[in-house]
Amino acid sequence: MQIGRVQGTTRVLGKSQGYMGLPLRDEMINCTVGGEGTPAMVTAWLPTPKELEALNAGAPVHVRIIGTAHPPIMVEVGEVPNE
């Protein structure tokens, strides 16, 4: 997967630590556990043609979290770009 630039980016994580940098959008969501106004961060990822072919053939999406504590996450498909 290639890092995308999520629409409405509010900051970039990790660049000062030597990583490529991960653009994200801070937002508040209505979470069934955390309630209304739960802070969340949204990132965008773009599959390569080879990965898209694998996904269409039924391959799963893997999410790798660095470290030993796994925060709650949501994985979904974003909107189709207008451009």
N, C-alpha and C. Protein backbone atom coordinates (compact mmCIF):
# COMPACT_ATOMS: atom_id res chain seq x y z
N MET A 1 0.84 -1.18 0.00
CA MET A 1 0.00 0.00 0.00
C MET A 1 0.89 1.24 0.00
N GLN A 2 0.39 2.24 -0.66
CA GLN A 2 1.10 3.52 -0.69
C GLN A 2 0.34 4.51 0.18
N ILE A 3 1.09 5.33 0.91
CA ILE A 3 0.46 6.34 1.75
C ILE A 3 -0.21 7.37 0.85
N GLY A 4 -1.47 7.65 1.13
CA GLY A 4 -2.20 8.67 0.40
C GLY A 4 -2.29 9.93 1.25
N ARG A 5 -2.85 10.97 0.69
CA ARG A 5 -3.07 12.21 1.43
C ARG A 5 -4.57 12.35 1.60
N VAL A 6 -5.05 12.12 2.82
CA VAL A 6 -6.47 12.19 3.11
C VAL A 6 -6.96 13.63 2.93
N GLN A 7 -8.15 13.77 2.36
CA GLN A 7 -8.72 15.09 2.15
C GLN A 7 -8.91 15.78 3.50
N GLY A 8 -8.52 17.04 3.60
CA GLY A 8 -8.66 17.78 4.85
C GLY A 8 -7.56 17.50 5.86
N THR A 9 -6.37 17.07 5.38
CA THR A 9 -5.25 16.75 6.26
C THR A 9 -5.02 17.87 7.27
N THR A 10 -4.86 17.48 8.55
CA THR A 10 -4.60 18.48 9.59
C THR A 10 -3.17 18.41 10.14
N ARG A 11 -2.48 17.27 9.96
CA ARG A 11 -1.08 17.15 10.40
C ARG A 11 -0.45 15.91 9.79
N VAL A 12 0.87 15.80 9.96
CA VAL A 12 1.63 14.66 9.44
C VAL A 12 2.40 14.04 10.60
N LEU A 13 2.22 12.73 10.79
CA LEU A 13 2.88 12.02 11.89
C LEU A 13 4.15 11.33 11.42
N GLY A 14 5.14 11.24 12.28
CA GLY A 14 6.31 10.40 12.09
C GLY A 14 7.45 10.94 11.27
N LYS A 15 7.25 12.00 10.49
CA LYS A 15 8.30 12.49 9.62
C LYS A 15 9.52 12.93 10.42
N SER A 16 9.32 13.61 11.52
CA SER A 16 10.44 14.08 12.35
C SER A 16 11.17 12.93 13.04
N GLN A 17 10.56 11.74 13.05
CA GLN A 17 11.17 10.57 13.67
C GLN A 17 11.90 9.70 12.64
N GLY A 18 11.94 10.13 11.39
CA GLY A 18 12.64 9.39 10.36
C GLY A 18 11.76 8.54 9.47
N TYR A 19 10.44 8.50 9.74
CA TYR A 19 9.52 7.77 8.87
C TYR A 19 9.18 8.62 7.66
N MET A 20 8.47 8.03 6.69
CA MET A 20 8.07 8.77 5.49
C MET A 20 7.12 9.92 5.83
N GLY A 21 6.38 9.80 6.87
CA GLY A 21 5.38 10.79 7.24
C GLY A 21 4.00 10.30 6.83
N LEU A 22 3.06 10.37 7.75
CA LEU A 22 1.71 9.89 7.52
C LEU A 22 0.73 11.04 7.67
N PRO A 23 0.23 11.59 6.54
CA PRO A 23 -0.77 12.66 6.63
C PRO A 23 -2.05 12.11 7.25
N LEU A 24 -2.64 12.87 8.17
CA LEU A 24 -3.90 12.44 8.75
C LEU A 24 -4.82 13.62 8.97
N ARG A 25 -6.09 13.28 9.16
CA ARG A 25 -7.12 14.28 9.44
C ARG A 25 -7.66 13.98 10.83
N ASP A 26 -7.58 14.95 11.72
CA ASP A 26 -8.18 14.82 13.04
C ASP A 26 -9.67 15.15 12.91
N GLU A 27 -10.49 14.35 13.56
CA GLU A 27 -11.93 14.61 13.55
C GLU A 27 -12.58 14.05 14.80
N MET A 28 -13.78 14.44 15.05
CA MET A 28 -14.58 13.92 16.16
C MET A 28 -15.67 13.03 15.56
N ILE A 29 -15.87 11.85 16.15
CA ILE A 29 -16.89 10.94 15.65
C ILE A 29 -17.86 10.58 16.76
N ASN A 30 -18.98 10.03 16.39
CA ASN A 30 -19.94 9.49 17.35
C ASN A 30 -19.68 8.00 17.43
N CYS A 31 -19.02 7.58 18.50
CA CYS A 31 -18.60 6.19 18.67
C CYS A 31 -19.56 5.47 19.62
N THR A 32 -19.91 4.23 19.30
CA THR A 32 -20.84 3.48 20.15
C THR A 32 -20.25 3.19 21.53
N VAL A 33 -18.93 3.23 21.66
CA VAL A 33 -18.30 3.00 22.97
C VAL A 33 -17.88 4.32 23.62
N GLY A 34 -17.16 5.16 22.87
CA GLY A 34 -16.63 6.41 23.42
C GLY A 34 -17.64 7.55 23.46
N GLY A 35 -18.75 7.40 22.74
CA GLY A 35 -19.78 8.43 22.73
C GLY A 35 -19.55 9.50 21.68
N GLU A 36 -20.43 10.50 21.74
CA GLU A 36 -20.35 11.61 20.81
C GLU A 36 -19.11 12.44 21.12
N GLY A 37 -18.43 12.91 20.07
CA GLY A 37 -17.24 13.74 20.26
C GLY A 37 -15.98 12.94 20.57
N THR A 38 -15.95 11.66 20.18
CA THR A 38 -14.76 10.84 20.38
C THR A 38 -13.69 11.26 19.37
N PRO A 39 -12.48 11.62 19.82
CA PRO A 39 -11.44 12.01 18.87
C PRO A 39 -10.98 10.82 18.04
N ALA A 40 -10.73 11.07 16.75
CA ALA A 40 -10.26 10.03 15.84
C ALA A 40 -9.28 10.63 14.84
N MET A 41 -8.46 9.77 14.24
CA MET A 41 -7.52 10.19 13.20
C MET A 41 -7.79 9.33 11.96
N VAL A 42 -7.85 9.97 10.79
CA VAL A 42 -8.15 9.27 9.54
C VAL A 42 -6.93 9.39 8.62
N THR A 43 -6.50 8.25 8.05
CA THR A 43 -5.42 8.24 7.07
C THR A 43 -5.94 7.63 5.77
N ALA A 44 -5.21 7.83 4.69
CA ALA A 44 -5.60 7.28 3.39
C ALA A 44 -4.48 6.37 2.88
N TRP A 45 -4.88 5.23 2.32
CA TRP A 45 -3.93 4.27 1.76
C TRP A 45 -4.40 3.86 0.39
N LEU A 46 -3.48 3.79 -0.56
CA LEU A 46 -3.81 3.48 -1.95
C LEU A 46 -3.14 2.18 -2.36
N PRO A 47 -3.93 1.16 -2.73
CA PRO A 47 -3.32 -0.11 -3.16
C PRO A 47 -2.62 0.05 -4.50
N THR A 48 -1.50 -0.65 -4.65
CA THR A 48 -0.82 -0.70 -5.95
C THR A 48 -1.66 -1.58 -6.88
N PRO A 49 -1.41 -1.54 -8.18
CA PRO A 49 -2.16 -2.41 -9.08
C PRO A 49 -2.06 -3.90 -8.68
N LYS A 50 -0.87 -4.34 -8.27
CA LYS A 50 -0.69 -5.73 -7.87
C LYS A 50 -1.51 -6.04 -6.61
N GLU A 51 -1.52 -5.11 -5.65
CA GLU A 51 -2.30 -5.32 -4.43
C GLU A 51 -3.80 -5.29 -4.73
N LEU A 52 -4.22 -4.40 -5.63
CA LEU A 52 -5.62 -4.33 -6.01
C LEU A 52 -6.07 -5.63 -6.67
N GLU A 53 -5.21 -6.20 -7.48
CA GLU A 53 -5.50 -7.49 -8.11
C GLU A 53 -5.67 -8.58 -7.04
N ALA A 54 -4.77 -8.57 -6.05
CA ALA A 54 -4.86 -9.55 -4.96
C ALA A 54 -6.14 -9.35 -4.14
N LEU A 55 -6.48 -8.09 -3.85
CA LEU A 55 -7.71 -7.79 -3.09
C LEU A 55 -8.94 -8.28 -3.86
N ASN A 56 -8.98 -8.01 -5.16
CA ASN A 56 -10.11 -8.45 -5.98
C ASN A 56 -10.20 -9.97 -6.06
N ALA A 57 -9.06 -10.65 -5.83
CA ALA A 57 -9.05 -12.11 -5.84
C ALA A 57 -9.36 -12.69 -4.46
N GLY A 58 -9.64 -11.81 -3.49
CA GLY A 58 -10.04 -12.28 -2.17
C GLY A 58 -8.99 -12.17 -1.08
N ALA A 59 -7.82 -11.60 -1.36
CA ALA A 59 -6.78 -11.44 -0.33
C ALA A 59 -7.28 -10.47 0.74
N PRO A 60 -6.89 -10.69 2.00
CA PRO A 60 -7.32 -9.80 3.07
C PRO A 60 -6.46 -8.54 3.15
N VAL A 61 -6.96 -7.55 3.85
CA VAL A 61 -6.18 -6.36 4.19
C VAL A 61 -5.56 -6.62 5.56
N HIS A 62 -4.25 -6.46 5.69
CA HIS A 62 -3.58 -6.60 6.98
C HIS A 62 -3.25 -5.21 7.50
N VAL A 63 -3.45 -4.99 8.79
CA VAL A 63 -3.10 -3.72 9.44
C VAL A 63 -2.00 -4.05 10.44
N ARG A 64 -0.83 -3.42 10.31
CA ARG A 64 0.28 -3.67 11.22
C ARG A 64 0.43 -2.46 12.13
N ILE A 65 0.37 -2.69 13.44
CA ILE A 65 0.53 -1.64 14.44
C ILE A 65 1.91 -1.82 15.07
N ILE A 66 2.72 -0.78 15.06
CA ILE A 66 4.04 -0.84 15.67
C ILE A 66 3.90 -0.76 17.19
N GLY A 67 4.52 -1.69 17.90
CA GLY A 67 4.48 -1.70 19.35
C GLY A 67 3.74 -2.91 19.89
N THR A 68 3.33 -2.84 21.16
CA THR A 68 2.68 -3.99 21.80
C THR A 68 1.27 -3.68 22.30
N ALA A 69 0.81 -2.45 22.16
CA ALA A 69 -0.56 -2.10 22.56
C ALA A 69 -1.35 -1.75 21.30
N HIS A 70 -2.53 -2.35 21.16
CA HIS A 70 -3.33 -2.15 19.95
C HIS A 70 -4.53 -1.26 20.29
N PRO A 71 -4.54 -0.03 19.76
CA PRO A 71 -5.69 0.84 20.00
C PRO A 71 -6.88 0.39 19.17
N PRO A 72 -8.08 0.80 19.56
CA PRO A 72 -9.25 0.48 18.72
C PRO A 72 -9.08 1.15 17.35
N ILE A 73 -9.42 0.43 16.28
CA ILE A 73 -9.33 1.00 14.93
C ILE A 73 -10.59 0.67 14.14
N MET A 74 -10.81 1.41 13.07
CA MET A 74 -11.88 1.13 12.12
C MET A 74 -11.23 1.11 10.74
N VAL A 75 -11.56 0.15 9.90
CA VAL A 75 -11.04 0.07 8.54
C VAL A 75 -12.23 0.14 7.60
N GLU A 76 -12.17 1.06 6.64
CA GLU A 76 -13.27 1.23 5.70
C GLU A 76 -12.74 1.73 4.36
N VAL A 77 -13.58 1.74 3.37
CA VAL A 77 -13.22 2.26 2.04
C VAL A 77 -13.66 3.70 1.95
N GLY A 78 -12.76 4.56 1.46
CA GLY A 78 -13.09 5.97 1.29
C GLY A 78 -13.87 6.22 0.02
N GLU A 79 -14.14 7.50 -0.24
CA GLU A 79 -14.89 7.89 -1.42
C GLU A 79 -14.00 7.82 -2.67
N VAL A 80 -14.62 7.59 -3.80
CA VAL A 80 -13.92 7.60 -5.08
C VAL A 80 -13.50 9.04 -5.40
N PRO A 81 -12.23 9.26 -5.75
CA PRO A 81 -11.78 10.64 -6.05
C PRO A 81 -12.51 11.22 -7.25
N ASN A 82 -12.72 12.53 -7.22
CA ASN A 82 -13.40 13.23 -8.33
C ASN A 82 -12.45 13.48 -9.49
N GLU A 83 -11.17 13.44 -9.24
CA GLU A 83 -10.17 13.84 -10.24
C GLU A 83 -9.66 12.66 -11.00
